[in-house]
Amino acid sequence: MIQTMKDKMRIFCAYGMEYKDHEGYTHDWATLLPAVQLAYNTSQHSTTGKSPSLVEKGWSPLLPLDHLKKNLLNILPTANEFHNMGKRDCDTAAKCIAEAK
């Protein structure tokens, strides 16, 4: 754990280092530490097979990606629904072609 944290901190904590993100905003290392902490605490560790948050608190915080995945599962059709939608569209297209003749 200590070596992992040292490696992650070394990336962000170089003296005088400023990080510029893809949108051009500049951050100093102190503003990035909460993100490093969250990433570390929510990642699965090889020793326990669980995240530190899960081991310590009994639950892991929901991340923005978790919310997106949950919503995508409700939005995306199942294979059978997708097949039925395609079949319905083909039937509608065939009906329109027949009416156009």
C-alpha atoms as a PDB file:
ATOM      1  CA  MET A   1       0.000   0.000   0.000  1.00  0.00           C
ATOM      2  CA  ILE A   2       2.736   2.453   0.954  1.00  0.00           C
ATOM      3  CA  GLN A   3       4.669   1.905  -2.288  1.00  0.00           C
ATOM      4  CA  THR A   4       1.504   2.296  -4.360  1.00  0.00           C
ATOM      5  CA  MET A   5       0.675   5.571  -2.647  1.00  0.00           C
ATOM      6  CA  LYS A   6       4.257   6.799  -3.053  1.00  0.00           C
ATOM      7  CA  ASP A   7       4.096   6.057  -6.778  1.00  0.00           C
ATOM      8  CA  LYS A   8       0.773   7.829  -7.195  1.00  0.00           C
ATOM      9  CA  MET A   9       1.861  10.805  -5.102  1.00  0.00           C
ATOM     10  CA  ARG A  10       5.125  11.103  -7.036  1.00  0.00           C
ATOM     11  CA  ILE A  11       3.128  11.655 -10.229  1.00  0.00           C
ATOM     12  CA  PHE A  12       1.221  14.587  -8.775  1.00  0.00           C
ATOM     13  CA  CYS A  13       3.520  16.006  -6.115  1.00  0.00           C
ATOM     14  CA  ALA A  14       6.637  17.092  -7.984  1.00  0.00           C
ATOM     15  CA  TYR A  15       7.769  20.420  -6.553  1.00  0.00           C
ATOM     16  CA  GLY A  16       6.263  23.306  -8.484  1.00  0.00           C
ATOM     17  CA  MET A  17       4.490  20.978 -10.872  1.00  0.00           C
ATOM     18  CA  GLU A  18       1.238  22.117 -12.381  1.00  0.00           C
ATOM     19  CA  TYR A  19      -1.010  19.779 -14.311  1.00  0.00           C
ATOM     20  CA  LYS A  20      -2.897  21.042 -17.337  1.00  0.00           C
ATOM     21  CA  ASP A  21      -5.955  18.974 -18.243  1.00  0.00           C
ATOM     22  CA  HIS A  22      -7.417  18.427 -21.716  1.00  0.00           C
ATOM     23  CA  GLU A  23      -9.584  21.538 -21.374  1.00  0.00           C
ATOM     24  CA  GLY A  24      -6.612  23.744 -20.581  1.00  0.00           C
ATOM     25  CA  TYR A  25      -7.329  24.240 -16.881  1.00  0.00           C
ATOM     26  CA  THR A  26      -4.270  24.269 -14.657  1.00  0.00           C
ATOM     27  CA  HIS A  27      -4.281  22.410 -11.340  1.00  0.00           C
ATOM     28  CA  ASP A  28      -1.673  22.172  -8.642  1.00  0.00           C
ATOM     29  CA  TRP A  29      -1.040  18.796  -7.058  1.00  0.00           C
ATOM     30  CA  ALA A  30      -3.045  19.532  -3.903  1.00  0.00           C
ATOM     31  CA  THR A  31      -6.276  19.884  -5.878  1.00  0.00           C
ATOM     32  CA  LEU A  32      -5.711  16.463  -7.465  1.00  0.00           C
ATOM     33  CA  LEU A  33      -5.131  14.538  -4.223  1.00  0.00           C
ATOM     34  CA  PRO A  34      -8.836  13.872  -3.514  1.00  0.00           C
ATOM     35  CA  ALA A  35      -9.133  12.217  -6.935  1.00  0.00           C
ATOM     36  CA  VAL A  36      -6.069  10.065  -6.229  1.00  0.00           C
ATOM     37  CA  GLN A  37      -7.496   9.126  -2.842  1.00  0.00           C
ATOM     38  CA  LEU A  38     -10.862   8.176  -4.343  1.00  0.00           C
ATOM     39  CA  ALA A  39      -9.197   6.120  -7.081  1.00  0.00           C
ATOM     40  CA  TYR A  40      -7.081   4.273  -4.530  1.00  0.00           C
ATOM     41  CA  ASN A  41      -9.911   3.652  -2.065  1.00  0.00           C
ATOM     42  CA  THR A  42     -12.325   2.355  -4.705  1.00  0.00           C
ATOM     43  CA  SER A  43      -9.919   0.102  -6.619  1.00  0.00           C
ATOM     44  CA  GLN A  44      -9.778  -3.622  -5.954  1.00  0.00           C
ATOM     45  CA  HIS A  45      -6.574  -4.687  -4.182  1.00  0.00           C
ATOM     46  CA  SER A  46      -4.829  -7.983  -4.835  1.00  0.00           C
ATOM     47  CA  THR A  47      -4.308  -8.836  -1.157  1.00  0.00           C
ATOM     48  CA  THR A  48      -7.947  -8.711  -0.056  1.00  0.00           C
ATOM     49  CA  GLY A  49      -9.674  -8.889  -3.434  1.00  0.00           C
ATOM     50  CA  LYS A  50     -11.762  -5.921  -2.286  1.00  0.00           C
ATOM     51  CA  SER A  51     -11.454  -2.145  -2.227  1.00  0.00           C
ATOM     52  CA  PRO A  52     -10.293  -0.422   0.977  1.00  0.00           C
ATOM     53  CA  SER A  53     -13.658   1.358   1.194  1.00  0.00           C
ATOM     54  CA  LEU A  54     -15.479  -1.962   1.115  1.00  0.00           C
ATOM     55  CA  VAL A  55     -13.170  -3.492   3.729  1.00  0.00           C
ATOM     56  CA  GLU A  56     -13.326  -0.501   6.066  1.00  0.00           C
ATOM     57  CA  LYS A  57     -16.937   0.642   5.694  1.00  0.00           C
ATOM     58  CA  GLY A  58     -18.689  -2.376   4.237  1.00  0.00           C
ATOM     59  CA  TRP A  59     -19.711  -0.466   1.091  1.00  0.00           C
ATOM     60  CA  SER A  60     -18.081   1.286  -1.844  1.00  0.00           C
ATOM     61  CA  PRO A  61     -19.132   4.766  -2.941  1.00  0.00           C
ATOM     62  CA  LEU A  62     -20.955   5.039  -6.236  1.00  0.00           C
ATOM     63  CA  LEU A  63     -18.839   6.673  -8.894  1.00  0.00           C
ATOM     64  CA  PRO A  64     -20.205   8.688 -11.829  1.00  0.00           C
ATOM     65  CA  LEU A  65     -19.538   5.736 -14.133  1.00  0.00           C
ATOM     66  CA  ASP A  66     -21.669   3.505 -11.893  1.00  0.00           C
ATOM     67  CA  HIS A  67     -24.632   5.830 -12.413  1.00  0.00           C
ATOM     68  CA  LEU A  68     -24.077   5.785 -16.177  1.00  0.00           C
ATOM     69  CA  LYS A  69     -23.878   1.984 -16.272  1.00  0.00           C
ATOM     70  CA  LYS A  70     -27.087   1.694 -14.251  1.00  0.00           C
ATOM     71  CA  ASN A  71     -28.914   4.032 -16.631  1.00  0.00           C
ATOM     72  CA  LEU A  72     -27.526   2.316 -19.721  1.00  0.00           C
ATOM     73  CA  LEU A  73     -28.862  -1.022 -18.549  1.00  0.00           C
ATOM     74  CA  ASN A  74     -32.343   0.487 -18.463  1.00  0.00           C
ATOM     75  CA  ILE A  75     -31.958   2.199 -21.844  1.00  0.00           C
ATOM     76  CA  LEU A  76     -30.356  -0.518 -23.943  1.00  0.00           C
ATOM     77  CA  PRO A  77     -32.686  -3.212 -25.305  1.00  0.00           C
ATOM     78  CA  THR A  78     -32.111  -6.894 -24.712  1.00  0.00           C
ATOM     79  CA  ALA A  79     -31.172  -9.122 -27.649  1.00  0.00           C
ATOM     80  CA  ASN A  80     -34.778 -10.323 -28.037  1.00  0.00           C
ATOM     81  CA  GLU A  81     -36.144  -6.769 -27.900  1.00  0.00           C
ATOM     82  CA  PHE A  82     -33.565  -5.661 -30.469  1.00  0.00           C
ATOM     83  CA  HIS A  83     -34.528  -8.575 -32.738  1.00  0.00           C
ATOM     84  CA  ASN A  84     -38.226  -7.747 -32.399  1.00  0.00           C
ATOM     85  CA  MET A  85     -37.560  -4.070 -33.157  1.00  0.00           C
ATOM     86  CA  GLY A  86     -35.640  -5.020 -36.306  1.00  0.00           C
ATOM     87  CA  LYS A  87     -38.343  -7.431 -37.410  1.00  0.00           C
ATOM     88  CA  ARG A  88     -41.038  -4.808 -36.805  1.00  0.00           C
ATOM     89  CA  ASP A  89     -39.059  -2.250 -38.827  1.00  0.00           C
ATOM     90  CA  CYS A  90     -38.616  -4.715 -41.704  1.00  0.00           C
ATOM     91  CA  ASP A  91     -42.343  -5.505 -41.677  1.00  0.00           C
ATOM     92  CA  THR A  92     -43.178  -1.790 -41.706  1.00  0.00           C
ATOM     93  CA  ALA A  93     -40.752  -1.196 -44.580  1.00  0.00           C
ATOM     94  CA  ALA A  94     -42.228  -4.105 -46.571  1.00  0.00           C
ATOM     95  CA  LYS A  95     -45.747  -2.772 -45.957  1.00  0.00           C
ATOM     96  CA  CYS A  96     -44.742   0.730 -47.128  1.00  0.00           C
ATOM     97  CA  ILE A  97     -43.096  -0.693 -50.260  1.00  0.00           C
ATOM     98  CA  ALA A  98     -46.210  -2.740 -51.050  1.00  0.00           C
ATOM     99  CA  GLU A  99     -48.430   0.330 -50.615  1.00  0.00           C
ATOM    100  CA  ALA A 100     -46.163   2.401 -52.863  1.00  0.00           C
ATOM    101  CA  LYS A 101     -46.527  -0.033 -55.786  1.00  0.00           C
END
